[in-house]
Amino acid sequence: MIDLVWKLFSQTGNIETYLLMKELESEPQETEPNQSSTNNLENLPVDSNL
């Protein structure tokens, strides 16, 4: 994805695109790219008063 954003920036010179690329670079990479956020439901707190 970063390659796509870099290519867009290099063609347009848009500073917002460059800042997006830097933001994407600073985010930690997922260990399992196919893992969806719904698989993390077991980590949510459970209200036992229901």
N, C-alpha and C. Protein backbone atom coordinates (compact mmCIF):
# COMPACT_ATOMS: atom_id res chain seq x y z
N MET A 1 0.82 -1.18 0.00
CA MET A 1 0.00 0.00 0.00
C MET A 1 0.86 1.25 0.00
N ILE A 2 1.97 1.20 0.73
CA ILE A 2 2.85 2.36 0.79
C ILE A 2 3.42 2.66 -0.59
N ASP A 3 3.69 1.62 -1.37
CA ASP A 3 4.20 1.83 -2.73
C ASP A 3 3.19 2.59 -3.58
N LEU A 4 1.92 2.26 -3.43
CA LEU A 4 0.87 2.95 -4.18
C LEU A 4 0.79 4.42 -3.79
N VAL A 5 0.86 4.69 -2.48
CA VAL A 5 0.79 6.06 -2.00
C VAL A 5 2.02 6.84 -2.48
N TRP A 6 3.21 6.20 -2.44
CA TRP A 6 4.42 6.87 -2.90
C TRP A 6 4.32 7.20 -4.40
N LYS A 7 3.82 6.27 -5.18
CA LYS A 7 3.67 6.51 -6.62
C LYS A 7 2.73 7.68 -6.87
N LEU A 8 1.62 7.72 -6.13
CA LEU A 8 0.68 8.82 -6.27
C LEU A 8 1.34 10.15 -5.89
N PHE A 9 2.09 10.16 -4.78
CA PHE A 9 2.79 11.38 -4.38
C PHE A 9 3.82 11.81 -5.41
N SER A 10 4.59 10.86 -5.92
CA SER A 10 5.63 11.22 -6.88
C SER A 10 5.06 11.78 -8.18
N GLN A 11 3.84 11.38 -8.51
CA GLN A 11 3.21 11.89 -9.74
C GLN A 11 2.49 13.22 -9.51
N THR A 12 1.97 13.45 -8.30
CA THR A 12 1.17 14.65 -8.05
C THR A 12 1.91 15.71 -7.25
N GLY A 13 2.84 15.29 -6.38
CA GLY A 13 3.52 16.23 -5.50
C GLY A 13 2.63 16.73 -4.38
N ASN A 14 1.51 16.06 -4.16
CA ASN A 14 0.55 16.46 -3.13
C ASN A 14 1.13 16.16 -1.75
N ILE A 15 1.28 17.19 -0.92
CA ILE A 15 1.87 17.02 0.40
C ILE A 15 0.99 16.16 1.31
N GLU A 16 -0.32 16.21 1.12
CA GLU A 16 -1.23 15.38 1.93
C GLU A 16 -0.97 13.90 1.66
N THR A 17 -0.68 13.57 0.43
CA THR A 17 -0.36 12.18 0.08
C THR A 17 0.93 11.74 0.76
N TYR A 18 1.92 12.64 0.78
CA TYR A 18 3.19 12.34 1.44
C TYR A 18 2.98 12.12 2.94
N LEU A 19 2.17 12.98 3.56
CA LEU A 19 1.90 12.83 4.99
C LEU A 19 1.16 11.53 5.28
N LEU A 20 0.26 11.14 4.39
CA LEU A 20 -0.43 9.86 4.54
C LEU A 20 0.57 8.71 4.49
N MET A 21 1.52 8.79 3.56
CA MET A 21 2.53 7.75 3.44
C MET A 21 3.35 7.65 4.72
N LYS A 22 3.75 8.78 5.28
CA LYS A 22 4.53 8.78 6.52
C LYS A 22 3.71 8.21 7.68
N GLU A 23 2.42 8.51 7.71
CA GLU A 23 1.56 7.96 8.76
C GLU A 23 1.44 6.45 8.62
N LEU A 24 1.32 5.96 7.41
CA LEU A 24 1.24 4.52 7.18
C LEU A 24 2.54 3.83 7.56
N GLU A 25 3.66 4.48 7.31
CA GLU A 25 4.96 3.90 7.66
C GLU A 25 5.14 3.80 9.17
N SER A 26 4.58 4.75 9.91
CA SER A 26 4.80 4.77 11.36
C SER A 26 3.88 3.81 12.11
N GLU A 27 2.80 3.34 11.46
CA GLU A 27 1.90 2.40 12.11
C GLU A 27 2.54 1.02 12.17
N PRO A 28 2.36 0.31 13.29
CA PRO A 28 2.92 -1.05 13.38
C PRO A 28 2.25 -1.96 12.35
N GLN A 29 3.04 -2.82 11.76
CA GLN A 29 2.52 -3.75 10.77
C GLN A 29 1.79 -4.89 11.46
N GLU A 30 0.68 -5.34 10.87
CA GLU A 30 -0.07 -6.46 11.43
C GLU A 30 0.73 -7.74 11.23
N THR A 31 0.69 -8.61 12.23
CA THR A 31 1.41 -9.87 12.10
C THR A 31 0.68 -10.83 11.17
N GLU A 32 -0.65 -10.76 11.16
CA GLU A 32 -1.45 -11.59 10.28
C GLU A 32 -2.35 -10.68 9.45
N PRO A 33 -1.97 -10.39 8.20
CA PRO A 33 -2.74 -9.44 7.40
C PRO A 33 -4.17 -9.85 7.11
N ASN A 34 -4.48 -11.13 7.14
CA ASN A 34 -5.83 -11.59 6.84
C ASN A 34 -6.73 -11.64 8.07
N GLN A 35 -6.20 -11.29 9.22
CA GLN A 35 -6.98 -11.33 10.45
C GLN A 35 -7.89 -10.11 10.50
N SER A 36 -9.19 -10.36 10.61
CA SER A 36 -10.14 -9.25 10.67
C SER A 36 -10.31 -8.81 12.11
N SER A 37 -10.83 -7.60 12.29
CA SER A 37 -10.99 -7.06 13.64
C SER A 37 -12.06 -7.82 14.43
N THR A 38 -12.94 -8.53 13.75
CA THR A 38 -13.97 -9.28 14.47
C THR A 38 -13.38 -10.50 15.18
N ASN A 39 -12.20 -10.92 14.78
CA ASN A 39 -11.56 -12.05 15.46
C ASN A 39 -11.01 -11.66 16.82
N ASN A 40 -10.97 -10.38 17.13
CA ASN A 40 -10.42 -9.91 18.39
C ASN A 40 -11.50 -9.72 19.46
N LEU A 41 -12.67 -10.27 19.25
CA LEU A 41 -13.77 -10.08 20.20
C LEU A 41 -13.48 -10.71 21.55
N GLU A 42 -12.67 -11.75 21.60
CA GLU A 42 -12.38 -12.39 22.87
C GLU A 42 -11.56 -11.48 23.79
N ASN A 43 -10.98 -10.42 23.27
CA ASN A 43 -10.19 -9.50 24.09
C ASN A 43 -11.03 -8.38 24.68
N LEU A 44 -12.30 -8.32 24.35
CA LEU A 44 -13.17 -7.26 24.85
C LEU A 44 -13.66 -7.58 26.26
N PRO A 45 -13.85 -6.56 27.10
CA PRO A 45 -14.40 -6.81 28.44
C PRO A 45 -15.85 -7.25 28.35
N VAL A 46 -16.23 -8.10 29.27
CA VAL A 46 -17.58 -8.64 29.29
C VAL A 46 -18.30 -8.13 30.53
N ASP A 47 -19.52 -7.61 30.32
CA ASP A 47 -20.33 -7.15 31.44
C ASP A 47 -21.16 -8.34 31.93
N SER A 48 -20.84 -8.84 33.11
CA SER A 48 -21.53 -10.02 33.64
C SER A 48 -22.85 -9.68 34.33
N ASN A 49 -23.24 -8.40 34.35
CA ASN A 49 -24.47 -7.98 35.00
C ASN A 49 -25.66 -8.00 34.06
N LEU A 50 -25.53 -8.61 32.93
CA LEU A 50 -26.64 -8.66 31.97
C LEU A 50 -27.64 -9.73 32.31
